[in-house]
PDB file of all heavy atoms in Angstrom:
ATOM      1  N   SER A   1       0.855  -1.186   0.000  1.00  0.00           N
ATOM      2  CA  SER A   1       0.000   0.000   0.000  1.00  0.00           C
ATOM      3  C   SER A   1       0.886   1.230   0.000  1.00  0.00           C
ATOM      4  O   SER A   1       2.008   1.207   0.514  1.00  0.00           O
ATOM      5  CB  SER A   1      -0.913   0.014   1.229  1.00  0.00           C
ATOM      6  OG  SER A   1      -0.136   0.024   2.402  1.00  0.00           O
ATOM      7  N   LEU A   2       0.409   2.315  -0.585  1.00  0.00           N
ATOM      8  CA  LEU A   2       1.161   3.553  -0.640  1.00  0.00           C
ATOM      9  C   LEU A   2       0.948   4.303   0.658  1.00  0.00           C
ATOM     10  O   LEU A   2      -0.166   4.698   0.979  1.00  0.00           O
ATOM     11  CB  LEU A   2       0.688   4.391  -1.830  1.00  0.00           C
ATOM     12  CG  LEU A   2       1.631   5.509  -2.287  1.00  0.00           C
ATOM     13  CD1 LEU A   2       2.932   4.911  -2.792  1.00  0.00           C
ATOM     14  CD2 LEU A   2       0.979   6.326  -3.393  1.00  0.00           C
ATOM     15  N   GLN A   3       2.021   4.494   1.406  1.00  0.00           N
ATOM     16  CA  GLN A   3       1.914   5.117   2.715  1.00  0.00           C
ATOM     17  C   GLN A   3       2.957   6.204   2.857  1.00  0.00           C
ATOM     18  O   GLN A   3       4.052   6.095   2.300  1.00  0.00           O
ATOM     19  CB  GLN A   3       2.141   4.080   3.828  1.00  0.00           C
ATOM     20  CG  GLN A   3       1.124   2.953   3.825  1.00  0.00           C
ATOM     21  CD  GLN A   3       1.451   1.936   4.899  1.00  0.00           C
ATOM     22  OE1 GLN A   3       2.376   2.125   5.671  1.00  0.00           O
ATOM     23  NE2 GLN A   3       0.697   0.870   4.958  1.00  0.00           N
ATOM     24  N   PRO A   4       2.637   7.253   3.599  1.00  0.00           N
ATOM     25  CA  PRO A   4       3.664   8.260   3.879  1.00  0.00           C
ATOM     26  C   PRO A   4       4.702   7.718   4.836  1.00  0.00           C
ATOM     27  O   PRO A   4       4.424   6.840   5.648  1.00  0.00           O
ATOM     28  CB  PRO A   4       2.876   9.409   4.512  1.00  0.00           C
ATOM     29  CG  PRO A   4       1.673   8.755   5.100  1.00  0.00           C
ATOM     30  CD  PRO A   4       1.339   7.611   4.174  1.00  0.00           C
ATOM     31  N   LYS A   5       5.903   8.248   4.716  1.00  0.00           N
ATOM     32  CA  LYS A   5       7.001   7.782   5.548  1.00  0.00           C
ATOM     33  C   LYS A   5       6.685   7.877   7.031  1.00  0.00           C
ATOM     34  O   LYS A   5       7.081   7.034   7.825  1.00  0.00           O
ATOM     35  CB  LYS A   5       8.258   8.592   5.218  1.00  0.00           C
ATOM     36  CG  LYS A   5       9.500   8.158   5.967  1.00  0.00           C
ATOM     37  CD  LYS A   5      10.673   9.023   5.549  1.00  0.00           C
ATOM     38  CE  LYS A   5      11.919   8.636   6.319  1.00  0.00           C
ATOM     39  NZ  LYS A   5      13.064   9.504   5.996  1.00  0.00           N
ATOM     40  N   SER A   6       5.932   8.907   7.423  1.00  0.00           N
ATOM     41  CA  SER A   6       5.656   9.115   8.838  1.00  0.00           C
ATOM     42  C   SER A   6       4.838   7.983   9.440  1.00  0.00           C
ATOM     43  O   SER A   6       4.772   7.836  10.646  1.00  0.00           O
ATOM     44  CB  SER A   6       4.923  10.444   9.032  1.00  0.00           C
ATOM     45  OG  SER A   6       3.735  10.462   8.272  1.00  0.00           O
ATOM     46  N   ASP A   7       4.208   7.148   8.576  1.00  0.00           N
ATOM     47  CA  ASP A   7       3.397   6.056   9.098  1.00  0.00           C
ATOM     48  C   ASP A   7       4.246   4.931   9.661  1.00  0.00           C
ATOM     49  O   ASP A   7       3.765   4.128  10.440  1.00  0.00           O
ATOM     50  CB  ASP A   7       2.483   5.493   7.998  1.00  0.00           C
ATOM     51  CG  ASP A   7       1.303   6.408   7.728  1.00  0.00           C
ATOM     52  OD1 ASP A   7       1.144   7.383   8.496  1.00  0.00           O
ATOM     53  OD2 ASP A   7       0.572   6.174   6.764  1.00  0.00           O
ATOM     54  N   TYR A   8       5.506   4.846   9.250  1.00  0.00           N
ATOM     55  CA  TYR A   8       6.291   3.717   9.722  1.00  0.00           C
ATOM     56  C   TYR A   8       7.597   4.156  10.377  1.00  0.00           C
ATOM     57  O   TYR A   8       8.431   3.348  10.717  1.00  0.00           O
ATOM     58  CB  TYR A   8       6.609   2.748   8.574  1.00  0.00           C
ATOM     59  CG  TYR A   8       7.417   3.357   7.454  1.00  0.00           C
ATOM     60  CD1 TYR A   8       8.804   3.367   7.485  1.00  0.00           C
ATOM     61  CD2 TYR A   8       6.779   3.928   6.353  1.00  0.00           C
ATOM     62  CE1 TYR A   8       9.538   3.928   6.467  1.00  0.00           C
ATOM     63  CE2 TYR A   8       7.507   4.491   5.332  1.00  0.00           C
ATOM     64  CZ  TYR A   8       8.883   4.484   5.386  1.00  0.00           C
ATOM     65  OH  TYR A   8       9.608   5.039   4.367  1.00  0.00           O
ATOM     66  N   HIS A   9       7.773   5.448  10.589  1.00  0.00           N
ATOM     67  CA  HIS A   9       9.000   5.935  11.208  1.00  0.00           C
ATOM     68  C   HIS A   9       8.659   6.696  12.482  1.00  0.00           C
ATOM     69  O   HIS A   9       7.887   7.636  12.457  1.00  0.00           O
ATOM     70  CB  HIS A   9       9.746   6.853  10.247  1.00  0.00           C
ATOM     71  CG  HIS A   9      10.934   7.500  10.878  1.00  0.00           C
ATOM     72  ND1 HIS A   9      12.072   6.803  11.199  1.00  0.00           N
ATOM     73  CD2 HIS A   9      11.160   8.782  11.260  1.00  0.00           C
ATOM     74  CE1 HIS A   9      12.949   7.627  11.738  1.00  0.00           C
ATOM     75  NE2 HIS A   9      12.424   8.829  11.801  1.00  0.00           N
ATOM     76  N   PHE A  10       9.215   6.246  13.603  1.00  0.00           N
ATOM     77  CA  PHE A  10       8.981   6.927  14.871  1.00  0.00           C
ATOM     78  C   PHE A  10      10.056   7.978  15.068  1.00  0.00           C
ATOM     79  O   PHE A  10      11.232   7.655  15.195  1.00  0.00           O
ATOM     80  CB  PHE A  10       9.021   5.918  16.030  1.00  0.00           C
ATOM     81  CG  PHE A  10       7.827   5.023  16.087  1.00  0.00           C
ATOM     82  CD1 PHE A  10       7.899   3.735  15.611  1.00  0.00           C
ATOM     83  CD2 PHE A  10       6.631   5.471  16.613  1.00  0.00           C
ATOM     84  CE1 PHE A  10       6.801   2.906  15.672  1.00  0.00           C
ATOM     85  CE2 PHE A  10       5.524   4.642  16.676  1.00  0.00           C
ATOM     86  CZ  PHE A  10       5.613   3.354  16.200  1.00  0.00           C
ATOM     87  N   CYS A  11       9.680   9.250  15.103  1.00  0.00           N
ATOM     88  CA  CYS A  11      10.668  10.289  15.353  1.00  0.00           C
ATOM     89  C   CYS A  11      10.735  10.616  16.838  1.00  0.00           C
ATOM     90  O   CYS A  11      11.671  11.275  17.282  1.00  0.00           O
ATOM     91  CB  CYS A  11      10.335  11.545  14.549  1.00  0.00           C
ATOM     92  SG  CYS A  11       8.707  12.229  14.918  1.00  0.00           S
ATOM     93  N   ASN A  12       9.767  10.182  17.614  1.00  0.00           N
ATOM     94  CA  ASN A  12       9.753  10.433  19.050  1.00  0.00           C
ATOM     95  C   ASN A  12       9.799   9.091  19.769  1.00  0.00           C
ATOM     96  O   ASN A  12       8.892   8.276  19.646  1.00  0.00           O
ATOM     97  CB  ASN A  12       8.486  11.202  19.440  1.00  0.00           C
ATOM     98  CG  ASN A  12       8.515  11.659  20.890  1.00  0.00           C
ATOM     99  OD1 ASN A  12       9.289  11.147  21.693  1.00  0.00           O
ATOM    100  ND2 ASN A  12       7.680  12.615  21.226  1.00  0.00           N
ATOM    101  N   GLN A  13      10.868   8.878  20.533  1.00  0.00           N
ATOM    102  CA  GLN A  13      11.044   7.574  21.168  1.00  0.00           C
ATOM    103  C   GLN A  13      10.017   7.289  22.253  1.00  0.00           C
ATOM    104  O   GLN A  13       9.883   6.141  22.676  1.00  0.00           O
ATOM    105  CB  GLN A  13      12.454   7.472  21.753  1.00  0.00           C
ATOM    106  CG  GLN A  13      13.534   7.404  20.695  1.00  0.00           C
ATOM    107  CD  GLN A  13      14.911   7.201  21.298  1.00  0.00           C
ATOM    108  OE1 GLN A  13      15.088   7.262  22.503  1.00  0.00           O
ATOM    109  NE2 GLN A  13      15.894   6.961  20.449  1.00  0.00           N
ATOM    110  N   SER A  14       9.289   8.307  22.705  1.00  0.00           N
ATOM    111  CA  SER A  14       8.260   8.053  23.706  1.00  0.00           C
ATOM    112  C   SER A  14       7.159   7.164  23.150  1.00  0.00           C
ATOM    113  O   SER A  14       6.399   6.556  23.907  1.00  0.00           O
ATOM    114  CB  SER A  14       7.676   9.377  24.206  1.00  0.00           C
ATOM    115  OG  SER A  14       7.032  10.072  23.155  1.00  0.00           O
ATOM    116  N   GLU A  15       7.074   7.063  21.819  1.00  0.00           N
ATOM    117  CA  GLU A  15       6.062   6.214  21.200  1.00  0.00           C
ATOM    118  C   GLU A  15       6.504   4.756  21.119  1.00  0.00           C
ATOM    119  O   GLU A  15       5.717   3.899  20.719  1.00  0.00           O
ATOM    120  CB  GLU A  15       5.757   6.732  19.790  1.00  0.00           C
ATOM    121  CG  GLU A  15       5.291   8.181  19.742  1.00  0.00           C
ATOM    122  CD  GLU A  15       5.166   8.681  18.310  1.00  0.00           C
ATOM    123  OE1 GLU A  15       5.055   7.839  17.406  1.00  0.00           O
ATOM    124  OE2 GLU A  15       5.172   9.904  18.097  1.00  0.00           O
ATOM    125  N   LEU A  16       7.742   4.461  21.470  1.00  0.00           N
ATOM    126  CA  LEU A  16       8.274   3.115  21.285  1.00  0.00           C
ATOM    127  C   LEU A  16       8.188   2.251  22.538  1.00  0.00           C
ATOM    128  O   LEU A  16       8.573   1.094  22.499  1.00  0.00           O
ATOM    129  CB  LEU A  16       9.735   3.194  20.835  1.00  0.00           C
ATOM    130  CG  LEU A  16       9.975   3.925  19.509  1.00  0.00           C
ATOM    131  CD1 LEU A  16      11.465   3.968  19.197  1.00  0.00           C
ATOM    132  CD2 LEU A  16       9.223   3.262  18.377  1.00  0.00           C
ATOM    133  N   GLY A  17       7.718   2.814  23.641  1.00  0.00           N
ATOM    134  CA  GLY A  17       7.612   2.026  24.865  1.00  0.00           C
ATOM    135  C   GLY A  17       8.951   1.629  25.458  1.00  0.00           C
ATOM    136  O   GLY A  17       9.099   0.538  26.017  1.00  0.00           O
ATOM    137  N   ILE A  18       9.930   2.494  25.350  1.00  0.00           N
ATOM    138  CA  ILE A  18      11.259   2.198  25.909  1.00  0.00           C
ATOM    139  C   ILE A  18      11.151   2.113  27.428  1.00  0.00           C
ATOM    140  O   ILE A  18      10.622   3.022  28.064  1.00  0.00           O
ATOM    141  CB  ILE A  18      12.268   3.275  25.491  1.00  0.00           C
ATOM    142  CG1 ILE A  18      12.478   3.215  23.976  1.00  0.00           C
ATOM    143  CG2 ILE A  18      13.599   3.101  26.217  1.00  0.00           C
ATOM    144  CD1 ILE A  18      13.388   4.281  23.442  1.00  0.00           C
ATOM    145  N   PRO A  19      11.657   1.048  28.026  1.00  0.00           N
ATOM    146  CA  PRO A  19      11.494   0.872  29.478  1.00  0.00           C
ATOM    147  C   PRO A  19      12.517   1.675  30.278  1.00  0.00           C
ATOM    148  O   PRO A  19      13.524   2.147  29.742  1.00  0.00           O
ATOM    149  CB  PRO A  19      11.732  -0.628  29.662  1.00  0.00           C
ATOM    150  CG  PRO A  19      12.711  -0.966  28.581  1.00  0.00           C
ATOM    151  CD  PRO A  19      12.329  -0.104  27.398  1.00  0.00           C
ATOM    152  N   PHE A  20      12.254   1.812  31.568  1.00  0.00           N
ATOM    153  CA  PHE A  20      13.227   2.366  32.487  1.00  0.00           C
ATOM    154  C   PHE A  20      14.307   1.315  32.758  1.00  0.00           C
ATOM    155  O   PHE A  20      14.027   0.114  32.788  1.00  0.00           O
ATOM    156  CB  PHE A  20      12.557   2.770  33.807  1.00  0.00           C
ATOM    157  CG  PHE A  20      11.827   4.078  33.739  1.00  0.00           C
ATOM    158  CD1 PHE A  20      10.542   4.142  33.231  1.00  0.00           C
ATOM    159  CD2 PHE A  20      12.432   5.247  34.179  1.00  0.00           C
ATOM    160  CE1 PHE A  20       9.856   5.348  33.164  1.00  0.00           C
ATOM    161  CE2 PHE A  20      11.764   6.458  34.119  1.00  0.00           C
ATOM    162  CZ  PHE A  20      10.474   6.515  33.617  1.00  0.00           C
ATOM    163  N   LEU A  21      15.538   1.772  32.952  1.00  0.00           N
ATOM    164  CA  LEU A  21      16.650   0.887  33.245  1.00  0.00           C
ATOM    165  C   LEU A  21      17.018   0.990  34.717  1.00  0.00           C
ATOM    166  O   LEU A  21      16.801   2.021  35.351  1.00  0.00           O
ATOM    167  CB  LEU A  21      17.858   1.243  32.384  1.00  0.00           C
ATOM    168  CG  LEU A  21      17.638   1.182  30.870  1.00  0.00           C
ATOM    169  CD1 LEU A  21      18.910   1.583  30.132  1.00  0.00           C
ATOM    170  CD2 LEU A  21      17.201  -0.213  30.444  1.00  0.00           C
ATOM    171  N   ASN A  22      17.585  -0.088  35.245  1.00  0.00           N
ATOM    172  CA  ASN A  22      17.955  -0.150  36.658  1.00  0.00           C
ATOM    173  C   ASN A  22      19.468  -0.181  36.803  1.00  0.00           C
ATOM    174  O   ASN A  22      20.164  -0.859  36.039  1.00  0.00           O
ATOM    175  CB  ASN A  22      17.360  -1.400  37.313  1.00  0.00           C
ATOM    176  CG  ASN A  22      15.846  -1.361  37.332  1.00  0.00           C
ATOM    177  OD1 ASN A  22      15.245  -0.744  38.204  1.00  0.00           O
ATOM    178  ND2 ASN A  22      15.222  -2.012  36.360  1.00  0.00           N
ATOM    179  N   GLU A  23      19.953   0.557  37.772  1.00  0.00           N
ATOM    180  CA  GLU A  23      21.383   0.585  38.045  1.00  0.00           C
ATOM    181  C   GLU A  23      21.605   0.541  39.552  1.00  0.00           C
ATOM    182  O   GLU A  23      20.975   1.295  40.295  1.00  0.00           O
ATOM    183  CB  GLU A  23      21.994   1.857  37.463  1.00  0.00           C
ATOM    184  CG  GLU A  23      23.495   1.972  37.642  1.00  0.00           C
ATOM    185  CD  GLU A  23      24.027   3.251  37.043  1.00  0.00           C
ATOM    186  OE1 GLU A  23      24.023   4.275  37.755  1.00  0.00           O
ATOM    187  OE2 GLU A  23      24.441   3.250  35.870  1.00  0.00           O
ATOM    188  N   PHE A  24      22.484  -0.333  39.973  1.00  0.00           N
ATOM    189  CA  PHE A  24      22.780  -0.480  41.388  1.00  0.00           C
ATOM    190  C   PHE A  24      24.252  -0.149  41.644  1.00  0.00           C
ATOM    191  O   PHE A  24      25.118  -0.527  40.851  1.00  0.00           O
ATOM    192  CB  PHE A  24      22.490  -1.912  41.852  1.00  0.00           C
ATOM    193  CG  PHE A  24      21.046  -2.308  41.723  1.00  0.00           C
ATOM    194  CD1 PHE A  24      20.590  -2.921  40.569  1.00  0.00           C
ATOM    195  CD2 PHE A  24      20.151  -2.054  42.754  1.00  0.00           C
ATOM    196  CE1 PHE A  24      19.261  -3.283  40.436  1.00  0.00           C
ATOM    197  CE2 PHE A  24      18.828  -2.412  42.630  1.00  0.00           C
ATOM    198  CZ  PHE A  24      18.375  -3.027  41.466  1.00  0.00           C
ATOM    199  N   LYS A  25      24.506   0.536  42.735  1.00  0.00           N
ATOM    200  CA  LYS A  25      25.870   0.892  43.101  1.00  0.00           C
ATOM    201  C   LYS A  25      26.082   0.614  44.583  1.00  0.00           C
ATOM    202  O   LYS A  25      25.198   0.858  45.403  1.00  0.00           O
ATOM    203  CB  LYS A  25      26.143   2.368  42.836  1.00  0.00           C
ATOM    204  CG  LYS A  25      26.106   2.765  41.371  1.00  0.00           C
ATOM    205  CD  LYS A  25      26.413   4.245  41.209  1.00  0.00           C
ATOM    206  CE  LYS A  25      26.393   4.655  39.749  1.00  0.00           C
ATOM    207  NZ  LYS A  25      26.698   6.105  39.583  1.00  0.00           N
ATOM    208  N   LEU A  26      27.271   0.119  44.900  1.00  0.00           N
ATOM    209  CA  LEU A  26      27.626  -0.112  46.294  1.00  0.00           C
ATOM    210  C   LEU A  26      29.137   0.023  46.416  1.00  0.00           C
ATOM    211  O   LEU A  26      29.885  -0.599  45.657  1.00  0.00           O
ATOM    212  CB  LEU A  26      27.193  -1.506  46.767  1.00  0.00           C
ATOM    213  CG  LEU A  26      27.439  -1.822  48.251  1.00  0.00           C
ATOM    214  CD1 LEU A  26      26.610  -0.887  49.131  1.00  0.00           C
ATOM    215  CD2 LEU A  26      27.104  -3.274  48.550  1.00  0.00           C
ATOM    216  N   SER A  27      29.573   0.852  47.327  1.00  0.00           N
ATOM    217  CA  SER A  27      31.014   1.022  47.548  1.00  0.00           C
ATOM    218  C   SER A  27      31.247   1.316  49.021  1.00  0.00           C
ATOM    219  O   SER A  27      30.365   1.835  49.718  1.00  0.00           O
ATOM    220  CB  SER A  27      31.576   2.153  46.685  1.00  0.00           C
ATOM    221  OG  SER A  27      30.981   3.389  47.062  1.00  0.00           O
ATOM    222  N   GLY A  28      32.427   0.985  49.482  1.00  0.00           N
ATOM    223  CA  GLY A  28      32.736   1.219  50.878  1.00  0.00           C
ATOM    224  C   GLY A  28      34.226   1.124  51.134  1.00  0.00           C
ATOM    225  O   GLY A  28      34.997   0.702  50.276  1.00  0.00           O
TER     226      GLY A  28
END
């Protein structure tokens, strides 16, 4: 089907469901 490029290209990553990442630190 003929579609505009914007239909299949995400320019805003908030639309991609990117998860939060976890980071742990411990020092002493």
